[in-house]
Amino acid sequence: TIHQLEEDYVHIQYAYGASKTTILFRHVLRNVLLPII
């Protein structure tokens, strides 16, 4: 998750006004699922 939070797509979502919860569970979690699997 720390690695994903440093990616560009997270900063873009912040720029569009997305909330932390939305970014975390809608975008970051999807990419974090791979190591979980």
PDB file of all heavy atoms in Angstrom:
ATOM      1  N   THR A   1       0.827  -1.209   0.000  1.00  0.00           N
ATOM      2  CA  THR A   1       0.000   0.000   0.000  1.00  0.00           C
ATOM      3  C   THR A   1       0.862   1.261   0.000  1.00  0.00           C
ATOM      4  O   THR A   1       0.558   2.233  -0.702  1.00  0.00           O
ATOM      5  CB  THR A   1      -0.931   0.002   1.216  1.00  0.00           C
ATOM      6  OG1 THR A   1      -1.730  -1.185   1.211  1.00  0.00           O
ATOM      7  CG2 THR A   1      -1.856   1.212   1.186  1.00  0.00           C
ATOM      8  N   ILE A   2       1.919   1.271   0.782  1.00  0.00           N
ATOM      9  CA  ILE A   2       2.825   2.427   0.799  1.00  0.00           C
ATOM     10  C   ILE A   2       3.389   2.671  -0.594  1.00  0.00           C
ATOM     11  O   ILE A   2       3.497   3.822  -1.059  1.00  0.00           O
ATOM     12  CB  ILE A   2       3.956   2.200   1.822  1.00  0.00           C
ATOM     13  CG1 ILE A   2       3.391   2.236   3.248  1.00  0.00           C
ATOM     14  CG2 ILE A   2       5.050   3.244   1.665  1.00  0.00           C
ATOM     15  CD1 ILE A   2       4.413   1.909   4.317  1.00  0.00           C
ATOM     16  N   HIS A   3       3.734   1.596  -1.279  1.00  0.00           N
ATOM     17  CA  HIS A   3       4.263   1.734  -2.643  1.00  0.00           C
ATOM     18  C   HIS A   3       3.193   2.285  -3.585  1.00  0.00           C
ATOM     19  O   HIS A   3       3.480   3.159  -4.425  1.00  0.00           O
ATOM     20  CB  HIS A   3       4.763   0.384  -3.139  1.00  0.00           C
ATOM     21  CG  HIS A   3       5.179   0.388  -4.577  1.00  0.00           C
ATOM     22  ND1 HIS A   3       6.342   1.004  -5.024  1.00  0.00           N
ATOM     23  CD2 HIS A   3       4.587  -0.143  -5.695  1.00  0.00           C
ATOM     24  CE1 HIS A   3       6.448   0.859  -6.335  1.00  0.00           C
ATOM     25  NE2 HIS A   3       5.405   0.167  -6.761  1.00  0.00           N
ATOM     26  N   GLN A   4       1.966   1.805  -3.458  1.00  0.00           N
ATOM     27  CA  GLN A   4       0.897   2.271  -4.337  1.00  0.00           C
ATOM     28  C   GLN A   4       0.529   3.733  -4.078  1.00  0.00           C
ATOM     29  O   GLN A   4       0.185   4.469  -5.017  1.00  0.00           O
ATOM     30  CB  GLN A   4      -0.348   1.394  -4.166  1.00  0.00           C
ATOM     31  CG  GLN A   4      -0.195  -0.028  -4.656  1.00  0.00           C
ATOM     32  CD  GLN A   4       0.049  -0.102  -6.144  1.00  0.00           C
ATOM     33  OE1 GLN A   4      -0.506   0.684  -6.906  1.00  0.00           O
ATOM     34  NE2 GLN A   4       0.884  -1.047  -6.563  1.00  0.00           N
ATOM     35  N   LEU A   5       0.592   4.160  -2.840  1.00  0.00           N
ATOM     36  CA  LEU A   5       0.248   5.552  -2.515  1.00  0.00           C
ATOM     37  C   LEU A   5       1.224   6.550  -3.122  1.00  0.00           C
ATOM     38  O   LEU A   5       0.919   7.751  -3.199  1.00  0.00           O
ATOM     39  CB  LEU A   5       0.200   5.736  -0.995  1.00  0.00           C
ATOM     40  CG  LEU A   5      -0.959   5.042  -0.269  1.00  0.00           C
ATOM     41  CD1 LEU A   5      -0.824   5.199   1.237  1.00  0.00           C
ATOM     42  CD2 LEU A   5      -2.305   5.592  -0.741  1.00  0.00           C
ATOM     43  N   GLU A   6       2.373   6.087  -3.539  1.00  0.00           N
ATOM     44  CA  GLU A   6       3.357   6.970  -4.165  1.00  0.00           C
ATOM     45  C   GLU A   6       3.229   7.008  -5.683  1.00  0.00           C
ATOM     46  O   GLU A   6       3.967   7.744  -6.349  1.00  0.00           O
ATOM     47  CB  GLU A   6       4.773   6.507  -3.783  1.00  0.00           C
ATOM     48  CG  GLU A   6       5.056   6.600  -2.286  1.00  0.00           C
ATOM     49  CD  GLU A   6       6.403   6.003  -1.923  1.00  0.00           C
ATOM     50  OE1 GLU A   6       7.023   5.392  -2.839  1.00  0.00           O
ATOM     51  OE2 GLU A   6       6.822   6.126  -0.770  1.00  0.00           O
ATOM     52  N   GLU A   7       2.295   6.232  -6.248  1.00  0.00           N
ATOM     53  CA  GLU A   7       2.125   6.196  -7.693  1.00  0.00           C
ATOM     54  C   GLU A   7       1.387   7.438  -8.197  1.00  0.00           C
ATOM     55  O   GLU A   7       0.669   8.110  -7.445  1.00  0.00           O
ATOM     56  CB  GLU A   7       1.349   4.933  -8.096  1.00  0.00           C
ATOM     57  CG  GLU A   7       2.079   3.633  -7.809  1.00  0.00           C
ATOM     58  CD  GLU A   7       3.301   3.459  -8.689  1.00  0.00           C
ATOM     59  OE1 GLU A   7       3.284   3.949  -9.847  1.00  0.00           O
ATOM     60  OE2 GLU A   7       4.284   2.840  -8.223  1.00  0.00           O
ATOM     61  N   ASP A   8       1.541   7.710  -9.489  1.00  0.00           N
ATOM     62  CA  ASP A   8       0.962   8.925 -10.078  1.00  0.00           C
ATOM     63  C   ASP A   8      -0.561   8.910 -10.071  1.00  0.00           C
ATOM     64  O   ASP A   8      -1.199   9.960  -9.911  1.00  0.00           O
ATOM     65  CB  ASP A   8       1.478   9.092 -11.519  1.00  0.00           C
ATOM     66  CG  ASP A   8       2.962   9.411 -11.570  1.00  0.00           C
ATOM     67  OD1 ASP A   8       3.493   9.918 -10.552  1.00  0.00           O
ATOM     68  OD2 ASP A   8       3.597   9.136 -12.610  1.00  0.00           O
ATOM     69  N   TYR A   9      -1.157   7.720 -10.263  1.00  0.00           N
ATOM     70  CA  TYR A   9      -2.612   7.678 -10.353  1.00  0.00           C
ATOM     71  C   TYR A   9      -3.266   8.116  -9.047  1.00  0.00           C
ATOM     72  O   TYR A   9      -4.385   8.647  -9.054  1.00  0.00           O
ATOM     73  CB  TYR A   9      -3.088   6.283 -10.770  1.00  0.00           C
ATOM     74  CG  TYR A   9      -3.015   5.234  -9.697  1.00  0.00           C
ATOM     75  CD1 TYR A   9      -4.071   5.028  -8.819  1.00  0.00           C
ATOM     76  CD2 TYR A   9      -1.892   4.428  -9.563  1.00  0.00           C
ATOM     77  CE1 TYR A   9      -4.009   4.049  -7.835  1.00  0.00           C
ATOM     78  CE2 TYR A   9      -1.818   3.453  -8.596  1.00  0.00           C
ATOM     79  CZ  TYR A   9      -2.880   3.266  -7.733  1.00  0.00           C
ATOM     80  OH  TYR A   9      -2.806   2.309  -6.764  1.00  0.00           O
ATOM     81  N   VAL A  10      -2.581   7.916  -7.922  1.00  0.00           N
ATOM     82  CA  VAL A  10      -3.125   8.368  -6.639  1.00  0.00           C
ATOM     83  C   VAL A  10      -3.119   9.892  -6.568  1.00  0.00           C
ATOM     84  O   VAL A  10      -4.106  10.520  -6.141  1.00  0.00           O
ATOM     85  CB  VAL A  10      -2.307   7.772  -5.470  1.00  0.00           C
ATOM     86  CG1 VAL A  10      -2.759   8.354  -4.135  1.00  0.00           C
ATOM     87  CG2 VAL A  10      -2.447   6.253  -5.458  1.00  0.00           C
ATOM     88  N   HIS A  11      -2.037  10.516  -7.006  1.00  0.00           N
ATOM     89  CA  HIS A  11      -1.967  11.974  -6.998  1.00  0.00           C
ATOM     90  C   HIS A  11      -2.990  12.585  -7.961  1.00  0.00           C
ATOM     91  O   HIS A  11      -3.554  13.652  -7.687  1.00  0.00           O
ATOM     92  CB  HIS A  11      -0.553  12.437  -7.373  1.00  0.00           C
ATOM     93  CG  HIS A  11       0.498  11.961  -6.421  1.00  0.00           C
ATOM     94  ND1 HIS A  11       0.585  12.403  -5.108  1.00  0.00           N
ATOM     95  CD2 HIS A  11       1.518  11.065  -6.585  1.00  0.00           C
ATOM     96  CE1 HIS A  11       1.598  11.824  -4.510  1.00  0.00           C
ATOM     97  NE2 HIS A  11       2.187  10.999  -5.374  1.00  0.00           N
ATOM     98  N   ILE A  12      -3.228  11.898  -9.072  1.00  0.00           N
ATOM     99  CA  ILE A  12      -4.247  12.384 -10.011  1.00  0.00           C
ATOM    100  C   ILE A  12      -5.629  12.340  -9.380  1.00  0.00           C
ATOM    101  O   ILE A  12      -6.438  13.272  -9.533  1.00  0.00           O
ATOM    102  CB  ILE A  12      -4.199  11.550 -11.311  1.00  0.00           C
ATOM    103  CG1 ILE A  12      -2.884  11.794 -12.051  1.00  0.00           C
ATOM    104  CG2 ILE A  12      -5.391  11.880 -12.204  1.00  0.00           C
ATOM    105  CD1 ILE A  12      -2.691  10.921 -13.270  1.00  0.00           C
ATOM    106  N   GLN A  13      -5.919  11.261  -8.638  1.00  0.00           N
ATOM    107  CA  GLN A  13      -7.213  11.160  -7.963  1.00  0.00           C
ATOM    108  C   GLN A  13      -7.374  12.245  -6.903  1.00  0.00           C
ATOM    109  O   GLN A  13      -8.461  12.812  -6.743  1.00  0.00           O
ATOM    110  CB  GLN A  13      -7.354   9.768  -7.319  1.00  0.00           C
ATOM    111  CG  GLN A  13      -7.483   8.634  -8.317  1.00  0.00           C
ATOM    112  CD  GLN A  13      -8.734   8.752  -9.153  1.00  0.00           C
ATOM    113  OE1 GLN A  13      -9.789   9.168  -8.658  1.00  0.00           O
ATOM    114  NE2 GLN A  13      -8.624   8.391 -10.425  1.00  0.00           N
ATOM    115  N   TYR A  14      -6.298  12.544  -6.198  1.00  0.00           N
ATOM    116  CA  TYR A  14      -6.348  13.653  -5.244  1.00  0.00           C
ATOM    117  C   TYR A  14      -6.633  14.971  -5.953  1.00  0.00           C
ATOM    118  O   TYR A  14      -7.391  15.823  -5.467  1.00  0.00           O
ATOM    119  CB  TYR A  14      -5.026  13.755  -4.470  1.00  0.00           C
ATOM    120  CG  TYR A  14      -4.919  12.821  -3.299  1.00  0.00           C
ATOM    121  CD1 TYR A  14      -3.848  11.931  -3.187  1.00  0.00           C
ATOM    122  CD2 TYR A  14      -5.879  12.833  -2.284  1.00  0.00           C
ATOM    123  CE1 TYR A  14      -3.743  11.060  -2.104  1.00  0.00           C
ATOM    124  CE2 TYR A  14      -5.782  11.968  -1.206  1.00  0.00           C
ATOM    125  CZ  TYR A  14      -4.710  11.090  -1.113  1.00  0.00           C
ATOM    126  OH  TYR A  14      -4.616  10.241  -0.041  1.00  0.00           O
ATOM    127  N   ALA A  15      -6.030  15.151  -7.126  1.00  0.00           N
ATOM    128  CA  ALA A  15      -6.229  16.389  -7.886  1.00  0.00           C
ATOM    129  C   ALA A  15      -7.673  16.530  -8.349  1.00  0.00           C
ATOM    130  O   ALA A  15      -8.196  17.658  -8.446  1.00  0.00           O
ATOM    131  CB  ALA A  15      -5.287  16.416  -9.089  1.00  0.00           C
ATOM    132  N   TYR A  16      -8.332  15.398  -8.621  1.00  0.00           N
ATOM    133  CA  TYR A  16      -9.742  15.433  -9.012  1.00  0.00           C
ATOM    134  C   TYR A  16     -10.674  15.577  -7.804  1.00  0.00           C
ATOM    135  O   TYR A  16     -11.891  15.633  -7.982  1.00  0.00           O
ATOM    136  CB  TYR A  16     -10.105  14.175  -9.793  1.00  0.00           C
ATOM    137  CG  TYR A  16      -9.715  14.228 -11.247  1.00  0.00           C
ATOM    138  CD1 TYR A  16      -8.660  13.471 -11.721  1.00  0.00           C
ATOM    139  CD2 TYR A  16     -10.411  15.034 -12.144  1.00  0.00           C
ATOM    140  CE1 TYR A  16      -8.287  13.516 -13.058  1.00  0.00           C
ATOM    141  CE2 TYR A  16     -10.050  15.082 -13.482  1.00  0.00           C
ATOM    142  CZ  TYR A  16      -8.993  14.316 -13.939  1.00  0.00           C
ATOM    143  OH  TYR A  16      -8.631  14.378 -15.258  1.00  0.00           O
ATOM    144  N   GLY A  17     -10.121  15.615  -6.609  1.00  0.00           N
ATOM    145  CA  GLY A  17     -10.928  15.825  -5.414  1.00  0.00           C
ATOM    146  C   GLY A  17     -11.470  14.569  -4.771  1.00  0.00           C
ATOM    147  O   GLY A  17     -12.381  14.647  -3.934  1.00  0.00           O
ATOM    148  N   ALA A  18     -10.944  13.423  -5.135  1.00  0.00           N
ATOM    149  CA  ALA A  18     -11.407  12.171  -4.528  1.00  0.00           C
ATOM    150  C   ALA A  18     -10.959  12.096  -3.073  1.00  0.00           C
ATOM    151  O   ALA A  18      -9.880  12.583  -2.710  1.00  0.00           O
ATOM    152  CB  ALA A  18     -10.866  10.980  -5.303  1.00  0.00           C
ATOM    153  N   SER A  19     -11.781  11.494  -2.240  1.00  0.00           N
ATOM    154  CA  SER A  19     -11.466  11.373  -0.818  1.00  0.00           C
ATOM    155  C   SER A  19     -10.455  10.262  -0.595  1.00  0.00           C
ATOM    156  O   SER A  19     -10.257   9.389  -1.454  1.00  0.00           O
ATOM    157  CB  SER A  19     -12.734  11.082  -0.017  1.00  0.00           C
ATOM    158  OG  SER A  19     -13.288   9.832  -0.387  1.00  0.00           O
ATOM    159  N   LYS A  20      -9.810  10.267   0.563  1.00  0.00           N
ATOM    160  CA  LYS A  20      -8.829   9.247   0.891  1.00  0.00           C
ATOM    161  C   LYS A  20      -9.460   7.852   0.920  1.00  0.00           C
ATOM    162  O   LYS A  20      -8.868   6.882   0.456  1.00  0.00           O
ATOM    163  CB  LYS A  20      -8.177   9.555   2.242  1.00  0.00           C
ATOM    164  CG  LYS A  20      -7.226  10.740   2.226  1.00  0.00           C
ATOM    165  CD  LYS A  20      -6.557  10.903   3.581  1.00  0.00           C
ATOM    166  CE  LYS A  20      -5.549  12.053   3.554  1.00  0.00           C
ATOM    167  NZ  LYS A  20      -4.864  12.225   4.864  1.00  0.00           N
ATOM    168  N   THR A  21     -10.676   7.792   1.486  1.00  0.00           N
ATOM    169  CA  THR A  21     -11.348   6.497   1.576  1.00  0.00           C
ATOM    170  C   THR A  21     -11.654   5.928   0.195  1.00  0.00           C
ATOM    171  O   THR A  21     -11.461   4.738  -0.070  1.00  0.00           O
ATOM    172  CB  THR A  21     -12.642   6.627   2.384  1.00  0.00           C
ATOM    173  OG1 THR A  21     -12.357   7.177   3.674  1.00  0.00           O
ATOM    174  CG2 THR A  21     -13.312   5.282   2.557  1.00  0.00           C
ATOM    175  N   THR A  22     -12.121   6.796  -0.718  1.00  0.00           N
ATOM    176  CA  THR A  22     -12.425   6.350  -2.077  1.00  0.00           C
ATOM    177  C   THR A  22     -11.171   5.866  -2.794  1.00  0.00           C
ATOM    178  O   THR A  22     -11.167   4.815  -3.443  1.00  0.00           O
ATOM    179  CB  THR A  22     -13.072   7.495  -2.869  1.00  0.00           C
ATOM    180  OG1 THR A  22     -14.263   7.924  -2.209  1.00  0.00           O
ATOM    181  CG2 THR A  22     -13.406   7.044  -4.280  1.00  0.00           C
ATOM    182  N   ILE A  23     -10.102   6.627  -2.669  1.00  0.00           N
ATOM    183  CA  ILE A  23      -8.844   6.247  -3.323  1.00  0.00           C
ATOM    184  C   ILE A  23      -8.319   4.940  -2.746  1.00  0.00           C
ATOM    185  O   ILE A  23      -7.854   4.058  -3.474  1.00  0.00           O
ATOM    186  CB  ILE A  23      -7.805   7.370  -3.152  1.00  0.00           C
ATOM    187  CG1 ILE A  23      -8.262   8.637  -3.886  1.00  0.00           C
ATOM    188  CG2 ILE A  23      -6.443   6.922  -3.659  1.00  0.00           C
ATOM    189  CD1 ILE A  23      -7.369   9.825  -3.647  1.00  0.00           C
ATOM    190  N   LEU A  24      -8.433   4.816  -1.424  1.00  0.00           N
ATOM    191  CA  LEU A  24      -7.853   3.652  -0.755  1.00  0.00           C
ATOM    192  C   LEU A  24      -8.576   2.374  -1.120  1.00  0.00           C
ATOM    193  O   LEU A  24      -7.944   1.353  -1.435  1.00  0.00           O
ATOM    194  CB  LEU A  24      -7.881   3.885   0.758  1.00  0.00           C
ATOM    195  CG  LEU A  24      -6.974   3.011   1.614  1.00  0.00           C
ATOM    196  CD1 LEU A  24      -5.522   3.238   1.258  1.00  0.00           C
ATOM    197  CD2 LEU A  24      -7.205   3.304   3.100  1.00  0.00           C
ATOM    198  N   PHE A  25      -9.908   2.403  -1.078  1.00  0.00           N
ATOM    199  CA  PHE A  25     -10.672   1.169  -1.260  1.00  0.00           C
ATOM    200  C   PHE A  25     -11.104   0.931  -2.707  1.00  0.00           C
ATOM    201  O   PHE A  25     -11.375  -0.218  -3.074  1.00  0.00           O
ATOM    202  CB  PHE A  25     -11.918   1.189  -0.361  1.00  0.00           C
ATOM    203  CG  PHE A  25     -11.612   0.982   1.097  1.00  0.00           C
ATOM    204  CD1 PHE A  25     -11.467   2.072   1.946  1.00  0.00           C
ATOM    205  CD2 PHE A  25     -11.437  -0.285   1.609  1.00  0.00           C
ATOM    206  CE1 PHE A  25     -11.171   1.888   3.292  1.00  0.00           C
ATOM    207  CE2 PHE A  25     -11.149  -0.477   2.940  1.00  0.00           C
ATOM    208  CZ  PHE A  25     -11.012   0.612   3.793  1.00  0.00           C
ATOM    209  N   ARG A  26     -11.163   1.970  -3.532  1.00  0.00           N
ATOM    210  CA  ARG A  26     -11.596   1.779  -4.905  1.00  0.00           C
ATOM    211  C   ARG A  26     -10.430   1.595  -5.875  1.00  0.00           C
ATOM    212  O   ARG A  26     -10.552   0.883  -6.871  1.00  0.00           O
ATOM    213  CB  ARG A  26     -12.457   2.959  -5.364  1.00  0.00           C
ATOM    214  CG  ARG A  26     -13.014   2.815  -6.776  1.00  0.00           C
ATOM    215  CD  ARG A  26     -13.979   3.922  -7.115  1.00  0.00           C
ATOM    216  NE  ARG A  26     -15.173   3.867  -6.265  1.00  0.00           N
ATOM    217  CZ  ARG A  26     -16.186   4.736  -6.365  1.00  0.00           C
ATOM    218  NH1 ARG A  26     -16.127   5.717  -7.256  1.00  0.00           N
ATOM    219  NH2 ARG A  26     -17.236   4.624  -5.567  1.00  0.00           N
ATOM    220  N   HIS A  27      -9.307   2.199  -5.574  1.00  0.00           N
ATOM    221  CA  HIS A  27      -8.185   2.156  -6.510  1.00  0.00           C
ATOM    222  C   HIS A  27      -6.963   1.416  -5.943  1.00  0.00           C
ATOM    223  O   HIS A  27      -6.441   0.516  -6.586  1.00  0.00           O
ATOM    224  CB  HIS A  27      -7.789   3.588  -6.910  1.00  0.00           C
ATOM    225  CG  HIS A  27      -8.900   4.365  -7.526  1.00  0.00           C
ATOM    226  ND1 HIS A  27      -9.322   4.164  -8.823  1.00  0.00           N
ATOM    227  CD2 HIS A  27      -9.701   5.345  -7.019  1.00  0.00           C
ATOM    228  CE1 HIS A  27     -10.325   4.981  -9.105  1.00  0.00           C
ATOM    229  NE2 HIS A  27     -10.574   5.714  -8.026  1.00  0.00           N
ATOM    230  N   VAL A  28      -6.529   1.823  -4.763  1.00  0.00           N
ATOM    231  CA  VAL A  28      -5.319   1.224  -4.194  1.00  0.00           C
ATOM    232  C   VAL A  28      -5.541  -0.239  -3.852  1.00  0.00           C
ATOM    233  O   VAL A  28      -4.691  -1.092  -4.151  1.00  0.00           O
ATOM    234  CB  VAL A  28      -4.866   2.016  -2.948  1.00  0.00           C
ATOM    235  CG1 VAL A  28      -3.691   1.319  -2.270  1.00  0.00           C
ATOM    236  CG2 VAL A  28      -4.485   3.437  -3.335  1.00  0.00           C
ATOM    237  N   LEU A  29      -6.676  -0.552  -3.250  1.00  0.00           N
ATOM    238  CA  LEU A  29      -6.936  -1.932  -2.833  1.00  0.00           C
ATOM    239  C   LEU A  29      -6.918  -2.887  -4.012  1.00  0.00           C
ATOM    240  O   LEU A  29      -6.448  -4.025  -3.886  1.00  0.00           O
ATOM    241  CB  LEU A  29      -8.281  -2.008  -2.107  1.00  0.00           C
ATOM    242  CG  LEU A  29      -8.704  -3.397  -1.612  1.00  0.00           C
ATOM    243  CD1 LEU A  29      -7.677  -3.963  -0.648  1.00  0.00           C
ATOM    244  CD2 LEU A  29     -10.082  -3.332  -0.952  1.00  0.00           C
ATOM    245  N   ARG A  30      -7.382  -2.448  -5.159  1.00  0.00           N
ATOM    246  CA  ARG A  30      -7.398  -3.313  -6.336  1.00  0.00           C
ATOM    247  C   ARG A  30      -5.989  -3.740  -6.730  1.00  0.00           C
ATOM    248  O   ARG A  30      -5.757  -4.877  -7.137  1.00  0.00           O
ATOM    249  CB  ARG A  30      -8.080  -2.590  -7.487  1.00  0.00           C
ATOM    250  CG  ARG A  30      -8.238  -3.430  -8.743  1.00  0.00           C
ATOM    251  CD  ARG A  30      -9.017  -2.677  -9.786  1.00  0.00           C
ATOM    252  NE  ARG A  30     -10.356  -2.331  -9.312  1.00  0.00           N
ATOM    253  CZ  ARG A  30     -11.222  -1.601 -10.020  1.00  0.00           C
ATOM    254  NH1 ARG A  30     -10.878  -1.141 -11.214  1.00  0.00           N
ATOM    255  NH2 ARG A  30     -12.414  -1.322  -9.525  1.00  0.00           N
ATOM    256  N   ASN A  31      -5.043  -2.824  -6.621  1.00  0.00           N
ATOM    257  CA  ASN A  31      -3.659  -3.159  -6.960  1.00  0.00           C
ATOM    258  C   ASN A  31      -2.959  -3.919  -5.834  1.00  0.00           C
ATOM    259  O   ASN A  31      -1.991  -4.645  -6.082  1.00  0.00           O
ATOM    260  CB  ASN A  31      -2.872  -1.882  -7.278  1.00  0.00           C
ATOM    261  CG  ASN A  31      -3.358  -1.196  -8.543  1.00  0.00           C
ATOM    262  OD1 ASN A  31      -3.593  -1.846  -9.551  1.00  0.00           O
ATOM    263  ND2 ASN A  31      -3.534   0.106  -8.484  1.00  0.00           N
ATOM    264  N   VAL A  32      -3.441  -3.749  -4.608  1.00  0.00           N
ATOM    265  CA  VAL A  32      -2.848  -4.451  -3.473  1.00  0.00           C
ATOM    266  C   VAL A  32      -3.304  -5.905  -3.430  1.00  0.00           C
ATOM    267  O   VAL A  32      -2.673  -6.740  -2.782  1.00  0.00           O
ATOM    268  CB  VAL A  32      -3.208  -3.716  -2.163  1.00  0.00           C
ATOM    269  CG1 VAL A  32      -2.748  -4.493  -0.938  1.00  0.00           C
ATOM    270  CG2 VAL A  32      -2.578  -2.322  -2.151  1.00  0.00           C
ATOM    271  N   LEU A  33      -4.391  -6.222  -4.138  1.00  0.00           N
ATOM    272  CA  LEU A  33      -4.931  -7.582  -4.088  1.00  0.00           C
ATOM    273  C   LEU A  33      -3.959  -8.623  -4.639  1.00  0.00           C
ATOM    274  O   LEU A  33      -3.996  -9.778  -4.216  1.00  0.00           O
ATOM    275  CB  LEU A  33      -6.254  -7.649  -4.876  1.00  0.00           C
ATOM    276  CG  LEU A  33      -7.482  -7.069  -4.175  1.00  0.00           C
ATOM    277  CD1 LEU A  33      -8.686  -7.149  -5.095  1.00  0.00           C
ATOM    278  CD2 LEU A  33      -7.757  -7.795  -2.872  1.00  0.00           C
ATOM    279  N   LEU A  34      -3.108  -8.239  -5.579  1.00  0.00           N
ATOM    280  CA  LEU A  34      -2.193  -9.213  -6.176  1.00  0.00           C
ATOM    281  C   LEU A  34      -1.246  -9.830  -5.156  1.00  0.00           C
ATOM    282  O   LEU A  34      -1.142 -11.061  -5.078  1.00  0.00           O
ATOM    283  CB  LEU A  34      -1.417  -8.570  -7.325  1.00  0.00           C
ATOM    284  CG  LEU A  34      -2.236  -8.293  -8.589  1.00  0.00           C
ATOM    285  CD1 LEU A  34      -1.363  -7.645  -9.646  1.00  0.00           C
ATOM    286  CD2 LEU A  34      -2.849  -9.570  -9.127  1.00  0.00           C
ATOM    287  N   PRO A  35      -0.524  -9.040  -4.350  1.00  0.00           N
ATOM    288  CA  PRO A  35       0.310  -9.690  -3.323  1.00  0.00           C
ATOM    289  C   PRO A  35      -0.507 -10.444  -2.291  1.00  0.00           C
ATOM    290  O   PRO A  35      -0.039 -11.439  -1.733  1.00  0.00           O
ATOM    291  CB  PRO A  35       1.073  -8.520  -2.687  1.00  0.00           C
ATOM    292  CG  PRO A  35       0.325  -7.296  -3.067  1.00  0.00           C
ATOM    293  CD  PRO A  35      -0.294  -7.580  -4.389  1.00  0.00           C
ATOM    294  N   ILE A  36      -1.741 -10.005  -2.038  1.00  0.00           N
ATOM    295  CA  ILE A  36      -2.603 -10.730  -1.098  1.00  0.00           C
ATOM    296  C   ILE A  36      -2.912 -12.123  -1.639  1.00  0.00           C
ATOM    297  O   ILE A  36      -2.867 -13.123  -0.918  1.00  0.00           O
ATOM    298  CB  ILE A  36      -3.908  -9.947  -0.839  1.00  0.00           C
ATOM    299  CG1 ILE A  36      -3.610  -8.623  -0.137  1.00  0.00           C
ATOM    300  CG2 ILE A  36      -4.883 -10.781   0.001  1.00  0.00           C
ATOM    301  CD1 ILE A  36      -4.832  -7.760   0.071  1.00  0.00           C
ATOM    302  N   ILE A  37      -3.218 -12.186  -2.947  1.00  0.00           N
ATOM    303  CA  ILE A  37      -3.498 -13.480  -3.571  1.00  0.00           C
ATOM    304  C   ILE A  37      -2.275 -14.385  -3.500  1.00  0.00           C
ATOM    305  O   ILE A  37      -2.376 -15.587  -3.247  1.00  0.00           O
ATOM    306  CB  ILE A  37      -3.947 -13.268  -5.024  1.00  0.00           C
ATOM    307  CG1 ILE A  37      -5.304 -12.567  -5.050  1.00  0.00           C
ATOM    308  CG2 ILE A  37      -4.021 -14.595  -5.771  1.00  0.00           C
ATOM    309  CD1 ILE A  37      -5.746 -12.160  -6.432  1.00  0.00           C
TER     310      ILE A  37
END
